[in-house]
Amino acid sequence: MCRTIRCDNGPDLTSRHFLAWGIERKIELAHIQPGKPMQNGRLESFNGKLREECLNVSWFQNLFDARVKIAAWRQEYNEERPHSSLGYLTPNEFAAAQAAGFYTAVRGTRDSNAIPCPSRSPIPAQTQDGVTINSHIQKCAE
């Protein structure tokens, strides 16, 4: 069970009701430092996408309409659209590939994208310059 909720210092998570809810459930509120949104970077990134792709382009007639449109966007975001952090696969494709042992999450110095695992991948993995890893290894061995 969640024991800590990290949140920014905005007015949305500072109401007395929310604070009382946290105290009742023994959940600590951990606020990020003012002016440091990267301390909660994943959420800030998601909030920006939600705002730009759903809230700013939708006209909600009532609360029910808002729930339907946001739920449709959430389903598309979580199940249908490719994510750069998953090697430009949809979450469902990535989960299936990972279950089959084709992908592994590898964090490099430049990014955190998942990359194909060359030993088990049916598709040859490539380096950033477009050279397949197998041919790159062969050139190094020669």
N, C-alpha and C. Protein backbone atom coordinates (compact mmCIF):
# COMPACT_ATOMS: atom_id res chain seq x y z
N MET A 1 0.84 -1.19 0.00
CA MET A 1 0.00 0.00 0.00
C MET A 1 0.88 1.25 0.00
N CYS A 2 0.41 2.27 -0.65
CA CYS A 2 1.14 3.52 -0.77
C CYS A 2 1.26 4.20 0.60
N ARG A 3 2.46 4.60 0.96
CA ARG A 3 2.69 5.29 2.23
C ARG A 3 3.09 6.75 2.03
N THR A 4 3.46 7.11 0.81
CA THR A 4 3.88 8.47 0.52
C THR A 4 3.33 8.89 -0.83
N ILE A 5 2.84 10.11 -0.91
CA ILE A 5 2.42 10.69 -2.18
C ILE A 5 3.30 11.90 -2.43
N ARG A 6 4.02 11.88 -3.55
CA ARG A 6 4.86 13.03 -3.94
C ARG A 6 4.00 13.98 -4.76
N CYS A 7 3.98 15.23 -4.40
CA CYS A 7 3.18 16.20 -5.14
C CYS A 7 3.89 17.55 -5.17
N ASP A 8 3.43 18.38 -6.11
CA ASP A 8 4.03 19.71 -6.20
C ASP A 8 3.39 20.63 -5.17
N ASN A 9 3.75 21.88 -5.20
CA ASN A 9 3.26 22.84 -4.21
C ASN A 9 2.07 23.64 -4.72
N GLY A 10 1.43 23.15 -5.77
CA GLY A 10 0.28 23.83 -6.33
C GLY A 10 -0.93 23.75 -5.42
N PRO A 11 -1.95 24.53 -5.72
CA PRO A 11 -3.13 24.58 -4.86
C PRO A 11 -4.01 23.34 -4.94
N ASP A 12 -3.80 22.49 -5.95
CA ASP A 12 -4.69 21.35 -6.13
C ASP A 12 -4.55 20.28 -5.06
N LEU A 13 -3.41 20.14 -4.42
CA LEU A 13 -3.22 19.09 -3.42
C LEU A 13 -2.88 19.68 -2.04
N THR A 14 -3.47 20.80 -1.71
CA THR A 14 -3.18 21.42 -0.41
C THR A 14 -4.44 21.70 0.40
N SER A 15 -5.59 21.17 -0.01
CA SER A 15 -6.82 21.45 0.73
C SER A 15 -6.81 20.72 2.07
N ARG A 16 -7.57 21.23 3.00
CA ARG A 16 -7.67 20.59 4.32
C ARG A 16 -8.26 19.19 4.20
N HIS A 17 -9.22 19.03 3.28
CA HIS A 17 -9.85 17.72 3.09
C HIS A 17 -8.81 16.69 2.62
N PHE A 18 -7.97 17.08 1.67
CA PHE A 18 -6.93 16.17 1.17
C PHE A 18 -5.92 15.86 2.28
N LEU A 19 -5.52 16.87 3.04
CA LEU A 19 -4.58 16.64 4.14
C LEU A 19 -5.18 15.70 5.19
N ALA A 20 -6.47 15.89 5.51
CA ALA A 20 -7.14 15.02 6.48
C ALA A 20 -7.24 13.59 5.94
N TRP A 21 -7.52 13.46 4.65
CA TRP A 21 -7.58 12.14 4.02
C TRP A 21 -6.24 11.41 4.18
N GLY A 22 -5.14 12.12 3.95
CA GLY A 22 -3.82 11.53 4.10
C GLY A 22 -3.52 11.12 5.53
N ILE A 23 -3.89 11.95 6.47
CA ILE A 23 -3.66 11.64 7.89
C ILE A 23 -4.47 10.42 8.31
N GLU A 24 -5.74 10.34 7.88
CA GLU A 24 -6.59 9.19 8.22
C GLU A 24 -5.98 7.88 7.74
N ARG A 25 -5.37 7.91 6.60
CA ARG A 25 -4.83 6.69 6.00
C ARG A 25 -3.33 6.50 6.26
N LYS A 26 -2.78 7.38 7.09
CA LYS A 26 -1.35 7.35 7.44
C LYS A 26 -0.47 7.41 6.19
N ILE A 27 -0.83 8.34 5.29
CA ILE A 27 -0.08 8.57 4.07
C ILE A 27 0.61 9.92 4.18
N GLU A 28 1.91 9.91 4.02
CA GLU A 28 2.71 11.13 4.11
C GLU A 28 2.66 11.87 2.78
N LEU A 29 2.55 13.19 2.84
CA LEU A 29 2.61 14.00 1.63
C LEU A 29 4.03 14.56 1.53
N ALA A 30 4.72 14.20 0.46
CA ALA A 30 6.08 14.66 0.23
C ALA A 30 6.03 15.70 -0.88
N HIS A 31 6.22 16.96 -0.53
CA HIS A 31 6.18 18.03 -1.52
C HIS A 31 7.57 18.21 -2.14
N ILE A 32 7.58 18.46 -3.44
CA ILE A 32 8.85 18.74 -4.10
C ILE A 32 9.29 20.15 -3.71
N GLN A 33 10.56 20.44 -3.93
CA GLN A 33 11.06 21.77 -3.63
C GLN A 33 10.46 22.77 -4.61
N PRO A 34 10.10 23.96 -4.14
CA PRO A 34 9.55 24.97 -5.04
C PRO A 34 10.49 25.26 -6.21
N GLY A 35 9.92 25.34 -7.41
CA GLY A 35 10.72 25.64 -8.59
C GLY A 35 11.53 24.48 -9.13
N LYS A 36 11.28 23.25 -8.65
CA LYS A 36 12.03 22.07 -9.10
C LYS A 36 11.06 21.00 -9.63
N PRO A 37 10.38 21.26 -10.76
CA PRO A 37 9.39 20.30 -11.25
C PRO A 37 10.01 18.97 -11.66
N MET A 38 11.31 18.92 -11.94
CA MET A 38 11.92 17.65 -12.34
C MET A 38 12.05 16.66 -11.19
N GLN A 39 11.81 17.10 -9.97
CA GLN A 39 11.78 16.15 -8.86
C GLN A 39 10.55 15.24 -8.97
N ASN A 40 9.61 15.62 -9.81
CA ASN A 40 8.42 14.82 -10.08
C ASN A 40 8.23 14.77 -11.60
N GLY A 41 9.31 14.52 -12.33
CA GLY A 41 9.36 14.68 -13.78
C GLY A 41 8.38 13.83 -14.55
N ARG A 42 8.21 12.57 -14.18
CA ARG A 42 7.29 11.71 -14.94
C ARG A 42 5.88 12.25 -14.87
N LEU A 43 5.46 12.67 -13.70
CA LEU A 43 4.10 13.19 -13.56
C LEU A 43 3.96 14.52 -14.28
N GLU A 44 4.97 15.38 -14.20
CA GLU A 44 4.90 16.67 -14.91
C GLU A 44 4.82 16.43 -16.41
N SER A 45 5.56 15.46 -16.92
CA SER A 45 5.50 15.12 -18.34
C SER A 45 4.11 14.62 -18.72
N PHE A 46 3.57 13.73 -17.91
CA PHE A 46 2.23 13.20 -18.18
C PHE A 46 1.19 14.32 -18.14
N ASN A 47 1.27 15.17 -17.12
CA ASN A 47 0.31 16.27 -17.01
C ASN A 47 0.35 17.17 -18.23
N GLY A 48 1.55 17.43 -18.74
CA GLY A 48 1.68 18.26 -19.95
C GLY A 48 1.03 17.61 -21.15
N LYS A 49 1.24 16.30 -21.31
CA LYS A 49 0.61 15.58 -22.43
C LYS A 49 -0.91 15.58 -22.29
N LEU A 50 -1.41 15.30 -21.08
CA LEU A 50 -2.85 15.31 -20.85
C LEU A 50 -3.44 16.68 -21.17
N ARG A 51 -2.78 17.72 -20.72
CA ARG A 51 -3.28 19.08 -20.94
C ARG A 51 -3.29 19.42 -22.43
N GLU A 52 -2.15 19.14 -23.12
CA GLU A 52 -2.03 19.51 -24.54
C GLU A 52 -2.90 18.66 -25.45
N GLU A 53 -2.97 17.36 -25.21
CA GLU A 53 -3.61 16.45 -26.14
C GLU A 53 -5.08 16.18 -25.84
N CYS A 54 -5.52 16.46 -24.63
CA CYS A 54 -6.90 16.14 -24.26
C CYS A 54 -7.66 17.36 -23.77
N LEU A 55 -7.18 17.96 -22.71
CA LEU A 55 -7.95 19.04 -22.09
C LEU A 55 -8.04 20.29 -22.95
N ASN A 56 -6.95 20.67 -23.61
CA ASN A 56 -6.96 21.90 -24.42
C ASN A 56 -7.73 21.74 -25.73
N VAL A 57 -7.91 20.54 -26.21
CA VAL A 57 -8.58 20.33 -27.49
C VAL A 57 -10.01 19.81 -27.35
N SER A 58 -10.47 19.60 -26.14
CA SER A 58 -11.82 19.06 -25.92
C SER A 58 -12.73 20.11 -25.30
N TRP A 59 -13.97 20.05 -25.70
CA TRP A 59 -15.00 20.90 -25.10
C TRP A 59 -15.91 19.97 -24.32
N PHE A 60 -15.97 20.14 -23.01
CA PHE A 60 -16.77 19.26 -22.16
C PHE A 60 -18.11 19.92 -21.88
N GLN A 61 -19.19 19.21 -22.21
CA GLN A 61 -20.53 19.76 -22.00
C GLN A 61 -20.98 19.60 -20.55
N ASN A 62 -20.51 18.55 -19.90
CA ASN A 62 -20.85 18.31 -18.50
C ASN A 62 -19.83 17.33 -17.92
N LEU A 63 -19.99 16.97 -16.67
CA LEU A 63 -19.03 16.09 -16.00
C LEU A 63 -19.00 14.71 -16.65
N PHE A 64 -20.16 14.18 -17.02
CA PHE A 64 -20.21 12.87 -17.67
C PHE A 64 -19.43 12.90 -18.99
N ASP A 65 -19.64 13.93 -19.79
CA ASP A 65 -18.93 14.08 -21.07
C ASP A 65 -17.42 14.16 -20.84
N ALA A 66 -17.00 14.89 -19.81
CA ALA A 66 -15.58 14.99 -19.49
C ALA A 66 -15.01 13.63 -19.12
N ARG A 67 -15.72 12.87 -18.32
CA ARG A 67 -15.25 11.54 -17.92
C ARG A 67 -15.11 10.62 -19.11
N VAL A 68 -16.07 10.66 -20.04
CA VAL A 68 -16.04 9.79 -21.22
C VAL A 68 -14.85 10.16 -22.10
N LYS A 69 -14.65 11.44 -22.37
CA LYS A 69 -13.56 11.87 -23.25
C LYS A 69 -12.19 11.62 -22.62
N ILE A 70 -12.06 11.86 -21.34
CA ILE A 70 -10.77 11.63 -20.67
C ILE A 70 -10.48 10.13 -20.59
N ALA A 71 -11.51 9.30 -20.35
CA ALA A 71 -11.31 7.85 -20.32
C ALA A 71 -10.88 7.34 -21.69
N ALA A 72 -11.46 7.87 -22.76
CA ALA A 72 -11.06 7.46 -24.12
C ALA A 72 -9.61 7.86 -24.38
N TRP A 73 -9.22 9.07 -23.97
CA TRP A 73 -7.83 9.50 -24.17
C TRP A 73 -6.89 8.63 -23.35
N ARG A 74 -7.26 8.32 -22.12
CA ARG A 74 -6.42 7.50 -21.25
C ARG A 74 -6.22 6.10 -21.84
N GLN A 75 -7.29 5.52 -22.39
CA GLN A 75 -7.17 4.20 -23.01
C GLN A 75 -6.24 4.27 -24.22
N GLU A 76 -6.40 5.28 -25.05
CA GLU A 76 -5.53 5.43 -26.23
C GLU A 76 -4.08 5.62 -25.79
N TYR A 77 -3.84 6.44 -24.75
CA TYR A 77 -2.49 6.73 -24.26
C TYR A 77 -1.85 5.47 -23.67
N ASN A 78 -2.61 4.72 -22.90
CA ASN A 78 -2.06 3.55 -22.20
C ASN A 78 -1.99 2.28 -23.03
N GLU A 79 -2.81 2.17 -24.07
CA GLU A 79 -2.90 0.89 -24.77
C GLU A 79 -2.58 0.95 -26.26
N GLU A 80 -2.79 2.10 -26.91
CA GLU A 80 -2.73 2.13 -28.36
C GLU A 80 -1.58 2.94 -28.95
N ARG A 81 -1.08 3.92 -28.26
CA ARG A 81 -0.07 4.78 -28.87
C ARG A 81 1.34 4.33 -28.51
N PRO A 82 2.26 4.46 -29.47
CA PRO A 82 3.66 4.11 -29.19
C PRO A 82 4.29 5.11 -28.21
N HIS A 83 5.19 4.63 -27.37
CA HIS A 83 5.90 5.47 -26.41
C HIS A 83 7.40 5.39 -26.70
N SER A 84 8.05 6.53 -26.70
CA SER A 84 9.50 6.54 -26.95
C SER A 84 10.26 5.77 -25.88
N SER A 85 9.77 5.80 -24.66
CA SER A 85 10.46 5.09 -23.58
C SER A 85 10.34 3.57 -23.71
N LEU A 86 9.47 3.11 -24.61
CA LEU A 86 9.29 1.67 -24.84
C LEU A 86 9.80 1.27 -26.22
N GLY A 87 10.73 2.05 -26.75
CA GLY A 87 11.27 1.74 -28.06
C GLY A 87 10.25 1.96 -29.16
N TYR A 88 9.37 2.92 -28.98
CA TYR A 88 8.31 3.29 -29.92
C TYR A 88 7.35 2.13 -30.19
N LEU A 89 7.12 1.32 -29.17
CA LEU A 89 6.08 0.29 -29.21
C LEU A 89 4.92 0.76 -28.36
N THR A 90 3.74 0.19 -28.59
CA THR A 90 2.63 0.46 -27.69
C THR A 90 2.90 -0.31 -26.40
N PRO A 91 2.31 0.09 -25.29
CA PRO A 91 2.53 -0.68 -24.06
C PRO A 91 2.14 -2.16 -24.20
N ASN A 92 1.06 -2.44 -24.93
CA ASN A 92 0.67 -3.85 -25.12
C ASN A 92 1.70 -4.61 -25.94
N GLU A 93 2.22 -3.99 -27.02
CA GLU A 93 3.25 -4.65 -27.82
C GLU A 93 4.52 -4.87 -27.00
N PHE A 94 4.90 -3.87 -26.21
CA PHE A 94 6.09 -3.99 -25.39
C PHE A 94 5.94 -5.10 -24.36
N ALA A 95 4.77 -5.17 -23.72
CA ALA A 95 4.54 -6.22 -22.71
C ALA A 95 4.61 -7.60 -23.35
N ALA A 96 4.03 -7.73 -24.55
CA ALA A 96 4.07 -9.03 -25.23
C ALA A 96 5.51 -9.38 -25.63
N ALA A 97 6.26 -8.41 -26.14
CA ALA A 97 7.64 -8.67 -26.54
C ALA A 97 8.50 -8.99 -25.33
N GLN A 98 8.26 -8.30 -24.23
CA GLN A 98 9.05 -8.55 -23.02
C GLN A 98 8.72 -9.93 -22.45
N ALA A 99 7.45 -10.31 -22.50
CA ALA A 99 7.06 -11.64 -22.02
C ALA A 99 7.70 -12.73 -22.87
N ALA A 100 7.87 -12.44 -24.17
CA ALA A 100 8.50 -13.41 -25.06
C ALA A 100 10.02 -13.35 -24.97
N GLY A 101 10.57 -12.40 -24.23
CA GLY A 101 12.00 -12.30 -24.03
C GLY A 101 12.73 -11.54 -25.12
N PHE A 102 12.00 -10.74 -25.93
CA PHE A 102 12.63 -10.01 -27.03
C PHE A 102 13.22 -8.67 -26.61
N TYR A 103 12.69 -8.05 -25.58
CA TYR A 103 13.15 -6.72 -25.21
C TYR A 103 13.61 -6.71 -23.76
N THR A 104 14.55 -5.82 -23.50
CA THR A 104 15.01 -5.61 -22.14
C THR A 104 15.20 -4.12 -21.94
N ALA A 105 14.87 -3.62 -20.81
CA ALA A 105 15.04 -2.20 -20.54
C ALA A 105 16.51 -1.95 -20.21
N VAL A 106 17.15 -1.15 -21.00
CA VAL A 106 18.55 -0.82 -20.81
C VAL A 106 18.67 0.69 -20.74
N ARG A 107 19.26 1.19 -19.70
CA ARG A 107 19.44 2.63 -19.57
C ARG A 107 20.85 2.99 -19.99
N GLY A 108 20.92 3.83 -21.01
CA GLY A 108 22.21 4.30 -21.48
C GLY A 108 22.51 5.66 -20.91
N THR A 109 23.61 6.23 -21.31
CA THR A 109 23.96 7.55 -20.82
C THR A 109 23.15 8.62 -21.53
N ARG A 110 22.63 8.31 -22.72
CA ARG A 110 21.90 9.31 -23.50
C ARG A 110 20.39 9.23 -23.35
N ASP A 111 19.84 8.04 -23.10
CA ASP A 111 18.40 7.92 -22.97
C ASP A 111 18.04 6.72 -22.11
N SER A 112 16.75 6.57 -21.88
CA SER A 112 16.29 5.44 -21.08
C SER A 112 15.37 4.56 -21.90
N ASN A 113 15.46 4.62 -23.22
CA ASN A 113 14.58 3.82 -24.06
C ASN A 113 14.93 2.35 -23.98
N ALA A 114 13.92 1.53 -24.09
CA ALA A 114 14.15 0.10 -24.15
C ALA A 114 14.73 -0.22 -25.52
N ILE A 115 15.69 -1.11 -25.57
CA ILE A 115 16.31 -1.46 -26.85
C ILE A 115 16.19 -2.95 -27.08
N PRO A 116 16.22 -3.38 -28.34
CA PRO A 116 16.14 -4.81 -28.60
C PRO A 116 17.32 -5.55 -27.99
N CYS A 117 17.05 -6.70 -27.49
CA CYS A 117 18.11 -7.57 -26.96
C CYS A 117 18.63 -8.38 -28.13
N PRO A 118 19.85 -8.12 -28.63
CA PRO A 118 20.31 -8.72 -29.88
C PRO A 118 20.38 -10.24 -29.87
N SER A 119 20.58 -10.85 -28.73
CA SER A 119 20.73 -12.30 -28.71
C SER A 119 19.42 -13.03 -28.93
N ARG A 120 18.29 -12.40 -28.61
CA ARG A 120 17.01 -13.08 -28.72
C ARG A 120 16.04 -12.40 -29.67
N SER A 121 16.39 -11.27 -30.21
CA SER A 121 15.48 -10.50 -31.04
C SER A 121 15.41 -11.07 -32.44
N PRO A 122 14.19 -11.23 -33.02
CA PRO A 122 14.09 -11.71 -34.39
C PRO A 122 14.48 -10.62 -35.39
N ILE A 123 14.53 -9.38 -34.95
CA ILE A 123 14.90 -8.25 -35.80
C ILE A 123 16.30 -7.82 -35.40
N PRO A 124 17.23 -7.66 -36.35
CA PRO A 124 18.58 -7.25 -35.96
C PRO A 124 18.57 -5.87 -35.29
N ALA A 125 19.22 -5.79 -34.15
CA ALA A 125 19.31 -4.52 -33.44
C ALA A 125 20.31 -3.63 -34.15
N GLN A 126 20.07 -2.31 -34.10
CA GLN A 126 20.96 -1.37 -34.78
C GLN A 126 21.53 -0.38 -33.80
N THR A 127 22.73 0.12 -34.15
CA THR A 127 23.33 1.20 -33.38
C THR A 127 22.75 2.50 -33.88
N GLN A 128 23.12 3.61 -33.25
CA GLN A 128 22.57 4.90 -33.65
C GLN A 128 22.94 5.30 -35.07
N ASP A 129 24.05 4.82 -35.59
CA ASP A 129 24.44 5.18 -36.95
C ASP A 129 23.85 4.23 -37.98
N GLY A 130 22.95 3.31 -37.58
CA GLY A 130 22.25 2.44 -38.50
C GLY A 130 22.94 1.14 -38.81
N VAL A 131 24.09 0.86 -38.21
CA VAL A 131 24.82 -0.38 -38.44
C VAL A 131 24.24 -1.44 -37.51
N THR A 132 23.96 -2.62 -38.04
CA THR A 132 23.42 -3.67 -37.18
C THR A 132 24.49 -4.09 -36.18
N ILE A 133 24.04 -4.44 -35.00
CA ILE A 133 24.97 -4.77 -33.92
C ILE A 133 25.82 -5.98 -34.30
N ASN A 134 25.22 -7.00 -34.92
CA ASN A 134 25.99 -8.21 -35.29
C ASN A 134 27.12 -7.87 -36.25
N SER A 135 26.83 -7.03 -37.29
CA SER A 135 27.90 -6.69 -38.23
C SER A 135 28.94 -5.78 -37.57
N HIS A 136 28.50 -4.95 -36.61
CA HIS A 136 29.42 -4.08 -35.87
C HIS A 136 30.37 -4.93 -35.02
N ILE A 137 29.86 -5.99 -34.41
CA ILE A 137 30.68 -6.87 -33.60
C ILE A 137 31.66 -7.63 -34.49
N GLN A 138 31.18 -8.07 -35.65
CA GLN A 138 32.07 -8.79 -36.57
C GLN A 138 33.21 -7.92 -37.04
N LYS A 139 32.92 -6.63 -37.36
CA LYS A 139 33.97 -5.71 -37.81
C LYS A 139 35.01 -5.51 -36.71
N CYS A 140 34.56 -5.44 -35.46
CA CYS A 140 35.49 -5.24 -34.35
C CYS A 140 36.37 -6.46 -34.14
N ALA A 141 35.82 -7.65 -34.42
CA ALA A 141 36.57 -8.88 -34.20
C ALA A 141 37.61 -9.10 -35.28
N GLU A 142 37.43 -8.50 -36.48
CA GLU A 142 38.35 -8.71 -37.59
C GLU A 142 39.64 -7.95 -37.42
